[in-house]
Amino acid sequence: MADEGTTETVGRRWRVLGFALLTAIGAYAVVVSLRLGLTRQGSPGEGLFPFLTATAMTLFGLSCLAGAVRATDVSGGDAQESELRQQLLRIGAYLAALLFYAVALDPLGFIVSTIVTVVFIMRFAEHYSWGATLALAVGTAAGCHLLFVSWLQAILPTGTVWDSLLY
């Protein structure tokens, strides 16, 4: 994977640990989704989509874990530690954004919390320009709204903050 003259940014041990954790979380999610039920009266049940996602996540984790176990370890220096620190900060930004999304979805509603989360990820974790960030954020929220509300007839949260301001 690495070109000649460059070093890998994360050691083999950390990749193995990360993919093992991803696989374990995926397996747990498979069990939880099975408890929700895959079908209900001949139609998809509450656990079908989480089951499909968790199964894909588990298979992805297993395949990456197998690759990480077979890979050789490449030692690096200070540059590798700096890149590792930057990647950990980036991962932390993603986790903070997802935590915000989970907490803000009900009070702020789907549209606002989606736009804020995507803006944070694209601008501060991925360092996109403001134009691209805003276009992607609005496009993501609009596309998801059309998919879930118009096509799948799902009920998305409108936000208790907006409900209290309008009524």
Protein backbone atom coordinates (compact mmCIF):
# COMPACT_ATOMS: atom_id res chain seq x y z
CA MET A 1 0.00 0.00 0.00
CA ALA A 2 2.75 2.45 0.85
CA ASP A 3 4.96 3.88 -1.89
CA GLU A 4 8.70 3.47 -1.75
CA GLY A 5 10.30 6.04 0.51
CA THR A 6 7.16 6.72 2.54
CA THR A 7 6.01 5.23 5.79
CA GLU A 8 2.57 4.13 6.84
CA THR A 9 0.86 6.57 9.18
CA VAL A 10 -0.53 4.03 11.65
CA GLY A 11 1.23 0.97 12.99
CA ARG A 12 -0.03 -2.54 12.36
CA ARG A 13 -1.00 -3.06 15.99
CA TRP A 14 -3.33 -0.02 15.96
CA ARG A 15 -4.93 -1.06 12.68
CA VAL A 16 -5.57 -4.56 14.01
CA LEU A 17 -7.03 -3.13 17.21
CA GLY A 18 -9.22 -0.64 15.32
CA PHE A 19 -10.58 -3.21 12.88
CA ALA A 20 -11.16 -5.71 15.69
CA LEU A 21 -13.16 -3.04 17.54
CA LEU A 22 -15.12 -2.21 14.36
CA THR A 23 -15.90 -5.90 13.87
CA ALA A 24 -17.00 -6.34 17.49
CA ILE A 25 -19.29 -3.30 17.34
CA GLY A 26 -20.75 -4.56 14.06
CA ALA A 27 -21.41 -8.00 15.53
CA TYR A 28 -23.12 -6.42 18.55
CA ALA A 29 -25.26 -4.29 16.23
CA VAL A 30 -26.26 -7.42 14.28
CA VAL A 31 -27.50 -9.03 17.51
CA VAL A 32 -29.42 -5.91 18.55
CA SER A 33 -31.03 -5.54 15.11
CA LEU A 34 -32.13 -9.19 15.16
CA ARG A 35 -33.90 -8.52 18.46
CA LEU A 36 -35.81 -5.68 16.79
CA GLY A 37 -37.13 -8.07 14.15
CA LEU A 38 -36.36 -8.22 10.46
CA THR A 39 -39.94 -8.52 9.26
CA ARG A 40 -43.34 -7.51 10.54
CA GLN A 41 -46.52 -8.86 8.94
CA GLY A 42 -44.89 -9.44 5.58
CA SER A 43 -43.13 -6.06 5.41
CA PRO A 44 -39.73 -4.86 6.56
CA GLY A 45 -39.42 -4.66 10.32
CA GLU A 46 -37.61 -2.14 12.50
CA GLY A 47 -34.43 -4.18 12.51
CA LEU A 48 -34.03 -4.81 8.77
CA PHE A 49 -32.02 -1.74 7.77
CA PRO A 50 -29.88 -1.78 10.94
CA PHE A 51 -29.25 -5.49 10.29
CA LEU A 52 -28.12 -4.85 6.72
CA THR A 53 -25.87 -1.98 7.81
CA ALA A 54 -24.41 -3.91 10.75
CA THR A 55 -23.79 -6.96 8.59
CA ALA A 56 -21.96 -4.84 6.00
CA MET A 57 -19.97 -3.16 8.77
CA THR A 58 -19.01 -6.52 10.29
CA LEU A 59 -17.96 -7.97 6.92
CA PHE A 60 -15.97 -4.83 6.14
CA GLY A 61 -14.29 -4.98 9.55
CA LEU A 62 -13.44 -8.67 9.11
CA SER A 63 -11.92 -8.16 5.67
CA CYS A 64 -9.88 -5.18 6.84
CA LEU A 65 -8.84 -7.07 9.98
CA ALA A 66 -7.58 -9.94 7.83
CA GLY A 67 -5.59 -7.49 5.70
CA ALA A 68 -4.16 -5.75 8.75
CA VAL A 69 -3.10 -9.06 10.30
CA ARG A 70 -1.29 -10.07 7.09
CA ALA A 71 0.39 -6.65 6.64
CA THR A 72 3.92 -6.02 7.78
CA ASP A 73 4.69 -3.37 10.36
CA VAL A 74 6.55 -0.28 9.15
CA SER A 75 8.19 1.84 11.82
CA GLY A 76 8.20 5.60 11.44
CA GLY A 77 9.60 8.66 13.11
CA ASP A 78 8.36 12.05 14.26
CA ALA A 79 6.55 12.72 10.99
CA GLN A 80 4.51 9.57 11.49
CA GLU A 81 3.58 10.63 15.03
CA SER A 82 2.51 14.05 13.78
CA GLU A 83 0.33 12.48 11.07
CA LEU A 84 -1.12 10.08 13.61
CA ARG A 85 -1.98 12.99 15.92
CA GLN A 86 -3.69 14.81 13.03
CA GLN A 87 -5.68 11.72 12.13
CA LEU A 88 -6.73 11.19 15.73
CA LEU A 89 -7.90 14.80 15.93
CA ARG A 90 -9.83 14.30 12.70
CA ILE A 91 -11.45 11.13 14.05
CA GLY A 92 -12.27 13.02 17.26
CA ALA A 93 -13.95 15.74 15.18
CA TYR A 94 -16.06 13.10 13.42
CA LEU A 95 -17.06 11.52 16.73
CA ALA A 96 -17.94 14.92 18.21
CA ALA A 97 -20.03 15.73 15.12
CA LEU A 98 -21.91 12.43 15.34
CA LEU A 99 -22.49 12.91 19.07
CA PHE A 100 -23.82 16.40 18.37
CA TYR A 101 -26.08 14.98 15.66
CA ALA A 102 -27.50 12.35 17.99
CA VAL A 103 -28.16 14.91 20.73
CA ALA A 104 -29.42 17.72 18.47
CA LEU A 105 -31.67 15.71 16.14
CA ASP A 106 -34.77 15.91 18.34
CA PRO A 107 -34.49 19.51 19.59
CA LEU A 108 -33.23 21.09 16.34
CA GLY A 109 -34.89 18.78 13.85
CA PHE A 110 -33.55 16.80 10.94
CA ILE A 111 -32.78 19.62 8.51
CA VAL A 112 -30.94 21.95 10.88
CA SER A 113 -28.97 19.27 12.71
CA THR A 114 -27.96 17.64 9.40
CA ILE A 115 -26.75 20.92 7.92
CA VAL A 116 -24.80 21.88 11.05
CA THR A 117 -23.20 18.42 11.31
CA VAL A 118 -22.20 18.27 7.64
CA VAL A 119 -20.83 21.83 7.78
CA PHE A 120 -18.70 20.96 10.80
CA ILE A 121 -17.36 17.77 9.22
CA MET A 122 -16.67 19.25 5.79
CA ARG A 123 -15.19 22.54 6.97
CA PHE A 124 -13.33 21.68 10.15
CA ALA A 125 -12.47 17.98 9.79
CA GLU A 126 -11.98 17.83 6.02
CA HIS A 127 -11.00 21.49 5.38
CA TYR A 128 -13.26 22.05 2.36
CA SER A 129 -13.89 25.59 1.14
CA TRP A 130 -16.97 27.39 2.46
CA GLY A 131 -18.69 27.24 -0.92
CA ALA A 132 -18.25 23.50 -1.29
CA THR A 133 -19.13 22.96 2.36
CA LEU A 134 -22.42 24.85 2.18
CA ALA A 135 -23.37 23.25 -1.14
CA LEU A 136 -22.71 19.75 0.22
CA ALA A 137 -24.51 20.45 3.49
CA VAL A 138 -27.66 21.84 1.88
CA GLY A 139 -27.58 19.17 -0.84
CA THR A 140 -27.21 16.40 1.74
CA ALA A 141 -30.09 17.67 3.85
CA ALA A 142 -32.34 18.21 0.83
CA GLY A 143 -31.48 14.84 -0.73
CA CYS A 144 -32.03 12.95 2.51
CA HIS A 145 -35.29 14.81 3.11
CA LEU A 146 -36.55 13.90 -0.36
CA LEU A 147 -35.44 10.29 0.05
CA PHE A 148 -36.89 9.71 3.50
CA VAL A 149 -39.98 11.94 3.49
CA SER A 150 -41.09 11.89 -0.15
CA TRP A 151 -40.04 8.44 -1.24
CA LEU A 152 -40.00 6.33 1.94
CA GLN A 153 -42.80 8.24 3.73
CA ALA A 154 -40.73 8.42 6.93
CA ILE A 155 -41.52 10.90 9.67
CA LEU A 156 -38.43 12.94 10.50
CA PRO A 157 -38.17 15.11 13.59
CA THR A 158 -39.01 18.76 12.96
CA GLY A 159 -37.44 19.95 16.19
CA THR A 160 -38.94 20.92 19.50
CA VAL A 161 -37.18 24.30 19.36
CA TRP A 162 -38.98 25.24 16.14
CA ASP A 163 -42.29 23.82 17.37
CA SER A 164 -42.16 26.02 20.47
CA LEU A 165 -41.29 29.11 18.39
CA LEU A 166 -44.07 28.57 15.85
CA TYR A 167 -46.90 27.71 18.24
